[in-house]
Amino acid sequence: MPATPATCAEATQSAPGPSGPADSLARVTLHAEFTVEPFNPGEPGPHVTAAFDAATAAGLEVEIGPFGTAIEGDDELVVETVATILRASLAHGATRVSVQVQTADD
């Protein structure tokens, strides 16, 4: 497995950004939306509740929408939480997890 930066801050220092050197990038707020499948009519399955529980356990505000669930917060926390959501939902039977992450300013 290739070596990876331990934190988002390290990643931004090691890779150039779109507008200049990486060290010019500041910490940002990220907005992430995720959808966990399969869809079960009626009550959400354990794969869906595991994803929700992972997001709330991180201390993030969780917004449930008609097509997905959203979280927002510090870049480090959001990236770590998305990884936890993926692990938890897949471990509980998810067949697909779609994730979209963007800066909160977008």
C-alpha atoms as a PDB file:
ATOM      1  CA  MET A   1       0.000   0.000   0.000  1.00  0.00           C
ATOM      2  CA  PRO A   2       1.453   3.415  -0.900  1.00  0.00           C
ATOM      3  CA  ALA A   3       2.290   5.850   1.872  1.00  0.00           C
ATOM      4  CA  THR A   4      -0.400   8.454   2.465  1.00  0.00           C
ATOM      5  CA  PRO A   5      -0.346  11.726   4.411  1.00  0.00           C
ATOM      6  CA  ALA A   6      -1.634  11.342   7.951  1.00  0.00           C
ATOM      7  CA  THR A   7      -3.760  14.469   7.832  1.00  0.00           C
ATOM      8  CA  CYS A   8      -5.465  16.775   5.364  1.00  0.00           C
ATOM      9  CA  ALA A   9      -3.089  19.512   6.470  1.00  0.00           C
ATOM     10  CA  GLU A  10      -0.100  17.362   5.467  1.00  0.00           C
ATOM     11  CA  ALA A  11      -1.754  16.581   2.142  1.00  0.00           C
ATOM     12  CA  THR A  12      -2.262  20.253   1.365  1.00  0.00           C
ATOM     13  CA  GLN A  13       1.382  20.949   2.183  1.00  0.00           C
ATOM     14  CA  SER A  14       2.658  18.227  -0.138  1.00  0.00           C
ATOM     15  CA  ALA A  15       0.541  18.946  -3.222  1.00  0.00           C
ATOM     16  CA  PRO A  16       0.188  22.188  -5.153  1.00  0.00           C
ATOM     17  CA  GLY A  17      -3.222  23.797  -5.206  1.00  0.00           C
ATOM     18  CA  PRO A  18      -5.062  25.120  -8.259  1.00  0.00           C
ATOM     19  CA  SER A  19      -3.996  28.692  -7.574  1.00  0.00           C
ATOM     20  CA  GLY A  20      -0.475  28.245  -6.255  1.00  0.00           C
ATOM     21  CA  PRO A  21       1.723  26.433  -3.770  1.00  0.00           C
ATOM     22  CA  ALA A  22       0.037  24.072  -1.341  1.00  0.00           C
ATOM     23  CA  ASP A  23       1.261  25.965   1.696  1.00  0.00           C
ATOM     24  CA  SER A  24      -0.998  28.856   0.664  1.00  0.00           C
ATOM     25  CA  LEU A  25      -4.092  26.733   1.323  1.00  0.00           C
ATOM     26  CA  ALA A  26      -5.886  27.271   4.621  1.00  0.00           C
ATOM     27  CA  ARG A  27      -8.066  24.849   6.507  1.00  0.00           C
ATOM     28  CA  VAL A  28     -11.537  24.863   5.066  1.00  0.00           C
ATOM     29  CA  THR A  29     -15.045  23.850   5.946  1.00  0.00           C
ATOM     30  CA  LEU A  30     -16.237  20.877   3.933  1.00  0.00           C
ATOM     31  CA  HIS A  31     -19.771  19.834   3.058  1.00  0.00           C
ATOM     32  CA  ALA A  32     -20.285  16.132   2.366  1.00  0.00           C
ATOM     33  CA  GLU A  33     -23.399  14.378   1.125  1.00  0.00           C
ATOM     34  CA  PHE A  34     -23.766  10.617   1.086  1.00  0.00           C
ATOM     35  CA  THR A  35     -26.344   8.101  -0.065  1.00  0.00           C
ATOM     36  CA  VAL A  36     -26.314   4.525   1.204  1.00  0.00           C
ATOM     37  CA  GLU A  37     -27.861   1.694  -0.801  1.00  0.00           C
ATOM     38  CA  PRO A  38     -29.788  -0.545  -1.092  1.00  0.00           C
ATOM     39  CA  PHE A  39     -32.937   1.398  -0.417  1.00  0.00           C
ATOM     40  CA  ASN A  40     -35.351  -0.500   1.791  1.00  0.00           C
ATOM     41  CA  PRO A  41     -39.013   0.558   1.772  1.00  0.00           C
ATOM     42  CA  GLY A  42     -40.314   1.429   5.215  1.00  0.00           C
ATOM     43  CA  GLU A  43     -37.569   1.548   7.832  1.00  0.00           C
ATOM     44  CA  PRO A  44     -33.908   2.216   7.039  1.00  0.00           C
ATOM     45  CA  GLY A  45     -31.734  -0.874   7.126  1.00  0.00           C
ATOM     46  CA  PRO A  46     -28.767  -1.376   9.446  1.00  0.00           C
ATOM     47  CA  HIS A  47     -26.406  -0.139   6.720  1.00  0.00           C
ATOM     48  CA  VAL A  48     -28.215   3.226   6.714  1.00  0.00           C
ATOM     49  CA  THR A  49     -28.437   3.587  10.496  1.00  0.00           C
ATOM     50  CA  ALA A  50     -24.742   2.664  10.831  1.00  0.00           C
ATOM     51  CA  ALA A  51     -23.824   5.535   8.502  1.00  0.00           C
ATOM     52  CA  PHE A  52     -26.062   7.963  10.414  1.00  0.00           C
ATOM     53  CA  ASP A  53     -24.672   6.807  13.766  1.00  0.00           C
ATOM     54  CA  ALA A  54     -21.093   7.276  12.531  1.00  0.00           C
ATOM     55  CA  ALA A  55     -21.854  10.844  11.463  1.00  0.00           C
ATOM     56  CA  THR A  56     -23.571  11.810  14.714  1.00  0.00           C
ATOM     57  CA  ALA A  57     -20.870  10.118  16.822  1.00  0.00           C
ATOM     58  CA  ALA A  58     -18.339  12.476  15.246  1.00  0.00           C
ATOM     59  CA  GLY A  59     -20.276  15.398  16.702  1.00  0.00           C
ATOM     60  CA  LEU A  60     -21.332  16.746  13.332  1.00  0.00           C
ATOM     61  CA  GLU A  61     -24.797  18.076  12.635  1.00  0.00           C
ATOM     62  CA  VAL A  62     -26.506  15.608  10.334  1.00  0.00           C
ATOM     63  CA  GLU A  63     -29.113  16.782   7.841  1.00  0.00           C
ATOM     64  CA  ILE A  64     -31.306  14.063   6.351  1.00  0.00           C
ATOM     65  CA  GLY A  65     -32.736  14.890   2.952  1.00  0.00           C
ATOM     66  CA  PRO A  66     -34.947  13.065   0.449  1.00  0.00           C
ATOM     67  CA  PHE A  67     -32.004  11.818  -1.630  1.00  0.00           C
ATOM     68  CA  GLY A  68     -29.164  11.671   0.860  1.00  0.00           C
ATOM     69  CA  THR A  69     -27.649  12.780   4.126  1.00  0.00           C
ATOM     70  CA  ALA A  70     -25.359  15.779   4.616  1.00  0.00           C
ATOM     71  CA  ILE A  71     -22.664  16.713   7.112  1.00  0.00           C
ATOM     72  CA  GLU A  72     -20.519  19.828   7.348  1.00  0.00           C
ATOM     73  CA  GLY A  73     -17.488  20.776   9.394  1.00  0.00           C
ATOM     74  CA  ASP A  74     -13.733  21.141   9.629  1.00  0.00           C
ATOM     75  CA  ASP A  75     -11.925  19.436   6.737  1.00  0.00           C
ATOM     76  CA  GLU A  76     -10.024  16.985   8.969  1.00  0.00           C
ATOM     77  CA  LEU A  77     -13.167  15.897  10.810  1.00  0.00           C
ATOM     78  CA  VAL A  78     -15.283  15.565   7.675  1.00  0.00           C
ATOM     79  CA  VAL A  79     -12.648  13.460   5.866  1.00  0.00           C
ATOM     80  CA  GLU A  80     -12.225  11.178   8.898  1.00  0.00           C
ATOM     81  CA  THR A  81     -16.007  10.909   9.331  1.00  0.00           C
ATOM     82  CA  VAL A  82     -16.585  10.043   5.662  1.00  0.00           C
ATOM     83  CA  ALA A  83     -14.068   7.194   6.028  1.00  0.00           C
ATOM     84  CA  THR A  84     -15.896   5.985   9.147  1.00  0.00           C
ATOM     85  CA  ILE A  85     -19.262   6.228   7.376  1.00  0.00           C
ATOM     86  CA  LEU A  86     -17.932   4.111   4.504  1.00  0.00           C
ATOM     87  CA  ARG A  87     -16.541   1.447   6.835  1.00  0.00           C
ATOM     88  CA  ALA A  88     -19.662   1.310   9.001  1.00  0.00           C
ATOM     89  CA  SER A  89     -22.213   1.186   6.206  1.00  0.00           C
ATOM     90  CA  LEU A  90     -20.295  -1.419   4.178  1.00  0.00           C
ATOM     91  CA  ALA A  91     -19.782  -3.554   7.286  1.00  0.00           C
ATOM     92  CA  HIS A  92     -23.557  -3.499   7.828  1.00  0.00           C
ATOM     93  CA  GLY A  93     -24.584  -4.583   4.341  1.00  0.00           C
ATOM     94  CA  ALA A  94     -24.414  -1.544   2.073  1.00  0.00           C
ATOM     95  CA  THR A  95     -23.932  -2.457  -1.578  1.00  0.00           C
ATOM     96  CA  ARG A  96     -23.109   1.099  -2.667  1.00  0.00           C
ATOM     97  CA  VAL A  97     -22.216   4.328  -0.914  1.00  0.00           C
ATOM     98  CA  SER A  98     -22.128   7.494  -3.009  1.00  0.00           C
ATOM     99  CA  VAL A  99     -20.235  10.428  -1.530  1.00  0.00           C
ATOM    100  CA  GLN A 100     -19.845  13.989  -2.774  1.00  0.00           C
ATOM    101  CA  VAL A 101     -17.527  16.382  -0.939  1.00  0.00           C
ATOM    102  CA  GLN A 102     -17.114  20.084  -1.666  1.00  0.00           C
ATOM    103  CA  THR A 103     -15.917  23.165   0.126  1.00  0.00           C
ATOM    104  CA  ALA A 104     -18.735  24.856   1.986  1.00  0.00           C
ATOM    105  CA  ASP A 105     -18.217  28.013  -0.087  1.00  0.00           C
ATOM    106  CA  ASP A 106     -19.293  26.228  -3.315  1.00  0.00           C
END
